[in-house]
Amino acid sequence: MNKKILVVDDEHNIRLLLKEELTDEGYDVIMAENGEKALEMIASEKPDLITLDIKMPGEDGLSILRRIREIEYDLPVIICSAYSVYKSDFSAVAADHYVVKSSNFDELKNKIKDILSYEM
């Protein structure tokens, strides 16, 4: 059975691109455009890992990360943001990894592979 990844990003094109990249790697990918939808999907879909953007309208990714940790403490979360400045934010420490978005998804795919293969 394939591992399921929840991609949380407010940018439609980023979600689609990540879905394509991760599907090509053999993962089942589900998507959410904001934190509230992500929390609903965590409860209903039970993903194995989450990639989470920080800068989103409404509740930001760091706030959503805190809420995820309250309900699913061991669920792996990778912050995937275009802003490296948040790497030093204390709230980001709760994430398993922090990846700066780029046109090359190798770093993100390698982190996902490391985390999910470690869990097996």
N, C-alpha and C. Protein backbone atom coordinates (compact mmCIF):
# COMPACT_ATOMS: atom_id res chain seq x y z
N MET A 1 0.84 -1.18 0.00
CA MET A 1 0.00 0.00 0.00
C MET A 1 0.88 1.25 0.00
N ASN A 2 0.56 2.19 -0.87
CA ASN A 2 1.36 3.41 -0.98
C ASN A 2 1.17 4.30 0.23
N LYS A 3 2.21 5.02 0.59
CA LYS A 3 2.13 6.02 1.65
C LYS A 3 1.35 7.21 1.13
N LYS A 4 0.57 7.83 2.02
CA LYS A 4 -0.27 8.96 1.64
C LYS A 4 0.33 10.27 2.18
N ILE A 5 0.47 11.24 1.28
CA ILE A 5 1.02 12.54 1.64
C ILE A 5 -0.05 13.60 1.44
N LEU A 6 -0.19 14.46 2.44
CA LEU A 6 -1.09 15.61 2.36
C LEU A 6 -0.25 16.84 2.05
N VAL A 7 -0.52 17.46 0.91
CA VAL A 7 0.16 18.69 0.50
C VAL A 7 -0.75 19.86 0.86
N VAL A 8 -0.24 20.76 1.71
CA VAL A 8 -1.02 21.93 2.14
C VAL A 8 -0.33 23.18 1.62
N ASP A 9 -0.96 23.84 0.67
CA ASP A 9 -0.40 25.06 0.08
C ASP A 9 -1.56 25.85 -0.52
N ASP A 10 -1.53 27.16 -0.35
CA ASP A 10 -2.61 27.99 -0.88
C ASP A 10 -2.48 28.24 -2.39
N GLU A 11 -1.32 27.97 -2.95
CA GLU A 11 -1.11 28.18 -4.38
C GLU A 11 -1.47 26.92 -5.16
N HIS A 12 -2.51 27.05 -5.97
CA HIS A 12 -3.04 25.92 -6.75
C HIS A 12 -1.95 25.25 -7.60
N ASN A 13 -1.15 26.03 -8.30
CA ASN A 13 -0.11 25.47 -9.18
C ASN A 13 0.96 24.72 -8.41
N ILE A 14 1.31 25.20 -7.22
CA ILE A 14 2.29 24.50 -6.38
C ILE A 14 1.72 23.16 -5.95
N ARG A 15 0.45 23.15 -5.53
CA ARG A 15 -0.17 21.88 -5.13
C ARG A 15 -0.14 20.88 -6.28
N LEU A 16 -0.51 21.33 -7.47
CA LEU A 16 -0.53 20.42 -8.62
C LEU A 16 0.87 19.91 -8.97
N LEU A 17 1.84 20.81 -8.92
CA LEU A 17 3.22 20.42 -9.23
C LEU A 17 3.73 19.40 -8.21
N LEU A 18 3.49 19.67 -6.94
CA LEU A 18 3.92 18.72 -5.90
C LEU A 18 3.20 17.39 -6.04
N LYS A 19 1.91 17.44 -6.36
CA LYS A 19 1.16 16.20 -6.54
C LYS A 19 1.78 15.37 -7.66
N GLU A 20 2.10 16.02 -8.77
CA GLU A 20 2.70 15.30 -9.90
C GLU A 20 4.06 14.72 -9.52
N GLU A 21 4.90 15.53 -8.89
CA GLU A 21 6.24 15.07 -8.50
C GLU A 21 6.17 13.89 -7.52
N LEU A 22 5.29 13.99 -6.53
CA LEU A 22 5.21 12.95 -5.51
C LEU A 22 4.48 11.70 -5.99
N THR A 23 3.51 11.88 -6.88
CA THR A 23 2.84 10.72 -7.49
C THR A 23 3.84 9.93 -8.32
N ASP A 24 4.71 10.64 -9.04
CA ASP A 24 5.76 9.98 -9.83
C ASP A 24 6.70 9.17 -8.94
N GLU A 25 6.81 9.56 -7.67
CA GLU A 25 7.67 8.83 -6.72
C GLU A 25 6.94 7.64 -6.09
N GLY A 26 5.65 7.47 -6.42
CA GLY A 26 4.90 6.32 -5.93
C GLY A 26 4.01 6.59 -4.73
N TYR A 27 3.84 7.86 -4.36
CA TYR A 27 2.99 8.19 -3.21
C TYR A 27 1.57 8.51 -3.67
N ASP A 28 0.62 8.28 -2.78
CA ASP A 28 -0.75 8.77 -2.97
C ASP A 28 -0.75 10.18 -2.41
N VAL A 29 -1.26 11.13 -3.17
CA VAL A 29 -1.21 12.53 -2.75
C VAL A 29 -2.62 13.10 -2.66
N ILE A 30 -2.89 13.72 -1.52
CA ILE A 30 -4.12 14.47 -1.33
C ILE A 30 -3.71 15.92 -1.07
N MET A 31 -4.64 16.86 -1.32
CA MET A 31 -4.26 18.26 -1.25
C MET A 31 -5.27 19.07 -0.46
N ALA A 32 -4.76 20.12 0.20
CA ALA A 32 -5.60 21.09 0.90
C ALA A 32 -5.07 22.48 0.61
N GLU A 33 -6.01 23.42 0.42
CA GLU A 33 -5.62 24.78 0.07
C GLU A 33 -5.46 25.70 1.28
N ASN A 34 -5.81 25.20 2.47
CA ASN A 34 -5.63 26.01 3.68
C ASN A 34 -5.56 25.09 4.90
N GLY A 35 -5.28 25.70 6.05
CA GLY A 35 -5.09 24.93 7.26
C GLY A 35 -6.34 24.24 7.76
N GLU A 36 -7.47 24.91 7.68
CA GLU A 36 -8.72 24.30 8.14
C GLU A 36 -9.04 23.03 7.35
N LYS A 37 -8.90 23.12 6.04
CA LYS A 37 -9.14 21.95 5.18
C LYS A 37 -8.13 20.85 5.52
N ALA A 38 -6.89 21.24 5.78
CA ALA A 38 -5.86 20.26 6.13
C ALA A 38 -6.23 19.50 7.41
N LEU A 39 -6.72 20.23 8.42
CA LEU A 39 -7.10 19.58 9.68
C LEU A 39 -8.25 18.60 9.47
N GLU A 40 -9.20 18.97 8.61
CA GLU A 40 -10.30 18.07 8.28
C GLU A 40 -9.77 16.81 7.60
N MET A 41 -8.83 17.00 6.67
CA MET A 41 -8.29 15.86 5.91
C MET A 41 -7.42 14.96 6.77
N ILE A 42 -6.74 15.53 7.75
CA ILE A 42 -5.95 14.71 8.67
C ILE A 42 -6.87 13.73 9.39
N ALA A 43 -8.01 14.23 9.84
CA ALA A 43 -8.96 13.38 10.56
C ALA A 43 -9.60 12.34 9.65
N SER A 44 -9.95 12.72 8.43
CA SER A 44 -10.68 11.79 7.57
C SER A 44 -9.79 10.90 6.71
N GLU A 45 -8.64 11.40 6.29
CA GLU A 45 -7.79 10.67 5.33
C GLU A 45 -6.60 9.96 5.98
N LYS A 46 -6.23 10.35 7.18
CA LYS A 46 -5.10 9.73 7.90
C LYS A 46 -3.82 9.68 7.05
N PRO A 47 -3.29 10.84 6.65
CA PRO A 47 -2.05 10.82 5.85
C PRO A 47 -0.86 10.32 6.67
N ASP A 48 0.16 9.85 5.95
CA ASP A 48 1.38 9.38 6.60
C ASP A 48 2.38 10.51 6.82
N LEU A 49 2.21 11.61 6.07
CA LEU A 49 3.14 12.74 6.13
C LEU A 49 2.43 13.97 5.56
N ILE A 50 2.84 15.15 6.03
CA ILE A 50 2.28 16.41 5.54
C ILE A 50 3.40 17.32 5.08
N THR A 51 3.21 17.96 3.92
CA THR A 51 4.06 19.09 3.55
C THR A 51 3.20 20.33 3.77
N LEU A 52 3.75 21.31 4.45
CA LEU A 52 2.96 22.45 4.92
C LEU A 52 3.63 23.77 4.57
N ASP A 53 2.90 24.60 3.83
CA ASP A 53 3.36 25.95 3.53
C ASP A 53 3.15 26.82 4.77
N ILE A 54 3.93 27.90 4.90
CA ILE A 54 3.77 28.80 6.04
C ILE A 54 2.85 29.96 5.70
N LYS A 55 3.16 30.66 4.61
CA LYS A 55 2.41 31.86 4.24
C LYS A 55 1.14 31.48 3.51
N MET A 56 0.02 31.49 4.24
CA MET A 56 -1.28 31.19 3.65
C MET A 56 -2.28 32.20 4.20
N PRO A 57 -3.31 32.51 3.42
CA PRO A 57 -4.34 33.40 3.95
C PRO A 57 -5.06 32.74 5.12
N GLY A 58 -5.57 33.57 6.02
CA GLY A 58 -6.21 33.01 7.21
C GLY A 58 -5.14 32.56 8.19
N GLU A 59 -5.31 31.39 8.72
CA GLU A 59 -4.35 30.86 9.70
C GLU A 59 -3.08 30.41 9.00
N ASP A 60 -1.93 30.88 9.48
CA ASP A 60 -0.67 30.53 8.81
C ASP A 60 -0.22 29.12 9.18
N GLY A 61 0.78 28.64 8.44
CA GLY A 61 1.25 27.27 8.60
C GLY A 61 1.81 26.95 9.98
N LEU A 62 2.46 27.93 10.62
CA LEU A 62 3.02 27.67 11.95
C LEU A 62 1.91 27.46 12.98
N SER A 63 0.84 28.21 12.84
CA SER A 63 -0.31 28.03 13.72
C SER A 63 -0.96 26.66 13.47
N ILE A 64 -1.08 26.29 12.21
CA ILE A 64 -1.64 24.98 11.86
C ILE A 64 -0.73 23.86 12.38
N LEU A 65 0.57 24.05 12.29
CA LEU A 65 1.52 23.06 12.81
C LEU A 65 1.29 22.83 14.29
N ARG A 66 1.09 23.89 15.06
CA ARG A 66 0.80 23.73 16.50
C ARG A 66 -0.47 22.92 16.71
N ARG A 67 -1.49 23.18 15.90
CA ARG A 67 -2.75 22.44 16.03
C ARG A 67 -2.58 20.97 15.62
N ILE A 68 -1.78 20.73 14.60
CA ILE A 68 -1.50 19.34 14.19
C ILE A 68 -0.83 18.59 15.33
N ARG A 69 0.15 19.22 15.96
CA ARG A 69 0.88 18.57 17.06
C ARG A 69 -0.04 18.26 18.24
N GLU A 70 -1.09 19.04 18.43
CA GLU A 70 -2.04 18.78 19.52
C GLU A 70 -2.89 17.55 19.25
N ILE A 71 -3.17 17.27 17.97
CA ILE A 71 -4.05 16.13 17.66
C ILE A 71 -3.31 14.90 17.16
N GLU A 72 -2.20 15.09 16.48
CA GLU A 72 -1.42 13.98 15.92
C GLU A 72 0.07 14.26 16.14
N TYR A 73 0.52 14.08 17.36
CA TYR A 73 1.88 14.50 17.72
C TYR A 73 2.96 13.84 16.86
N ASP A 74 2.77 12.58 16.52
CA ASP A 74 3.81 11.84 15.80
C ASP A 74 3.69 11.90 14.28
N LEU A 75 2.71 12.61 13.76
CA LEU A 75 2.54 12.72 12.31
C LEU A 75 3.66 13.59 11.74
N PRO A 76 4.49 13.03 10.83
CA PRO A 76 5.59 13.82 10.28
C PRO A 76 5.10 15.01 9.45
N VAL A 77 5.71 16.17 9.71
CA VAL A 77 5.38 17.40 9.00
C VAL A 77 6.66 18.02 8.48
N ILE A 78 6.67 18.31 7.18
CA ILE A 78 7.78 19.03 6.57
C ILE A 78 7.26 20.41 6.17
N ILE A 79 7.85 21.44 6.74
CA ILE A 79 7.50 22.79 6.30
C ILE A 79 8.19 23.01 4.97
N CYS A 80 7.40 23.45 4.01
CA CYS A 80 7.90 23.69 2.66
C CYS A 80 7.53 25.13 2.30
N SER A 81 8.47 26.04 2.48
CA SER A 81 8.17 27.46 2.34
C SER A 81 9.18 28.14 1.43
N ALA A 82 8.73 29.19 0.78
CA ALA A 82 9.64 29.99 -0.05
C ALA A 82 10.49 30.92 0.81
N TYR A 83 10.18 31.00 2.09
CA TYR A 83 10.85 31.96 2.98
C TYR A 83 11.77 31.24 3.96
N SER A 84 13.06 31.36 3.76
CA SER A 84 14.02 30.70 4.64
C SER A 84 14.09 31.38 6.01
N VAL A 85 13.61 32.62 6.12
CA VAL A 85 13.67 33.35 7.38
C VAL A 85 12.93 32.63 8.50
N TYR A 86 11.92 31.85 8.17
CA TYR A 86 11.16 31.14 9.20
C TYR A 86 11.91 29.95 9.77
N LYS A 87 13.00 29.55 9.14
CA LYS A 87 13.78 28.43 9.65
C LYS A 87 14.21 28.65 11.09
N SER A 88 14.48 29.91 11.43
CA SER A 88 14.95 30.23 12.78
C SER A 88 13.79 30.55 13.73
N ASP A 89 12.57 30.54 13.25
CA ASP A 89 11.40 30.80 14.10
C ASP A 89 11.22 29.62 15.04
N PHE A 90 11.07 29.90 16.31
CA PHE A 90 10.96 28.84 17.31
C PHE A 90 9.79 27.89 17.01
N SER A 91 8.70 28.43 16.47
CA SER A 91 7.53 27.60 16.16
C SER A 91 7.85 26.54 15.11
N ALA A 92 8.78 26.84 14.21
CA ALA A 92 9.12 25.91 13.13
C ALA A 92 9.87 24.69 13.65
N VAL A 93 10.39 24.78 14.86
CA VAL A 93 11.14 23.66 15.45
C VAL A 93 10.25 22.43 15.61
N ALA A 94 8.94 22.63 15.74
CA ALA A 94 8.01 21.51 15.91
C ALA A 94 7.89 20.65 14.65
N ALA A 95 8.34 21.18 13.52
CA ALA A 95 8.30 20.41 12.27
C ALA A 95 9.45 19.41 12.25
N ASP A 96 9.27 18.35 11.48
CA ASP A 96 10.33 17.34 11.36
C ASP A 96 11.47 17.85 10.48
N HIS A 97 11.14 18.63 9.48
CA HIS A 97 12.15 19.23 8.59
C HIS A 97 11.61 20.53 8.03
N TYR A 98 12.52 21.32 7.49
CA TYR A 98 12.17 22.60 6.87
C TYR A 98 12.88 22.64 5.53
N VAL A 99 12.11 22.76 4.46
CA VAL A 99 12.67 22.78 3.11
C VAL A 99 12.26 24.09 2.45
N VAL A 100 13.24 24.79 1.89
CA VAL A 100 12.93 26.01 1.15
C VAL A 100 12.52 25.62 -0.26
N LYS A 101 11.34 26.13 -0.68
CA LYS A 101 10.82 25.82 -2.02
C LYS A 101 11.80 26.28 -3.09
N SER A 102 11.92 25.45 -4.12
CA SER A 102 12.70 25.81 -5.29
C SER A 102 12.11 25.07 -6.48
N SER A 103 12.67 25.33 -7.63
CA SER A 103 12.18 24.62 -8.82
C SER A 103 12.63 23.17 -8.84
N ASN A 104 13.57 22.83 -7.98
CA ASN A 104 14.07 21.46 -7.87
C ASN A 104 13.51 20.85 -6.58
N PHE A 105 12.76 19.80 -6.72
CA PHE A 105 12.11 19.18 -5.55
C PHE A 105 12.92 18.03 -4.96
N ASP A 106 14.16 17.87 -5.36
CA ASP A 106 14.97 16.75 -4.88
C ASP A 106 15.13 16.74 -3.36
N GLU A 107 15.40 17.91 -2.78
CA GLU A 107 15.59 17.96 -1.33
C GLU A 107 14.32 17.51 -0.61
N LEU A 108 13.18 18.02 -1.05
CA LEU A 108 11.90 17.64 -0.44
C LEU A 108 11.65 16.14 -0.61
N LYS A 109 11.84 15.63 -1.80
CA LYS A 109 11.60 14.21 -2.06
C LYS A 109 12.53 13.34 -1.23
N ASN A 110 13.77 13.76 -1.06
CA ASN A 110 14.72 12.99 -0.25
C ASN A 110 14.31 12.99 1.23
N LYS A 111 13.85 14.13 1.74
CA LYS A 111 13.40 14.20 3.14
C LYS A 111 12.19 13.30 3.35
N ILE A 112 11.25 13.35 2.41
CA ILE A 112 10.06 12.51 2.51
C ILE A 112 10.46 11.03 2.51
N LYS A 113 11.33 10.67 1.59
CA LYS A 113 11.78 9.28 1.49
C LYS A 113 12.46 8.83 2.79
N ASP A 114 13.33 9.69 3.34
CA ASP A 114 14.02 9.38 4.59
C ASP A 114 13.03 9.15 5.73
N ILE A 115 12.08 10.06 5.86
CA ILE A 115 11.11 9.96 6.96
C ILE A 115 10.24 8.73 6.82
N LEU A 116 9.70 8.51 5.64
CA LEU A 116 8.76 7.40 5.45
C LEU A 116 9.46 6.04 5.46
N SER A 117 10.69 5.98 5.02
CA SER A 117 11.40 4.69 5.07
C SER A 117 11.85 4.39 6.49
N TYR A 118 12.08 5.43 7.28
CA TYR A 118 12.46 5.26 8.69
C TYR A 118 11.29 4.70 9.49
N GLU A 119 10.06 5.10 9.12
CA GLU A 119 8.87 4.66 9.85
C GLU A 119 8.52 3.21 9.59
N MET A 120 8.97 2.61 8.52
CA MET A 120 8.55 1.26 8.14
C MET A 120 9.08 0.21 9.06
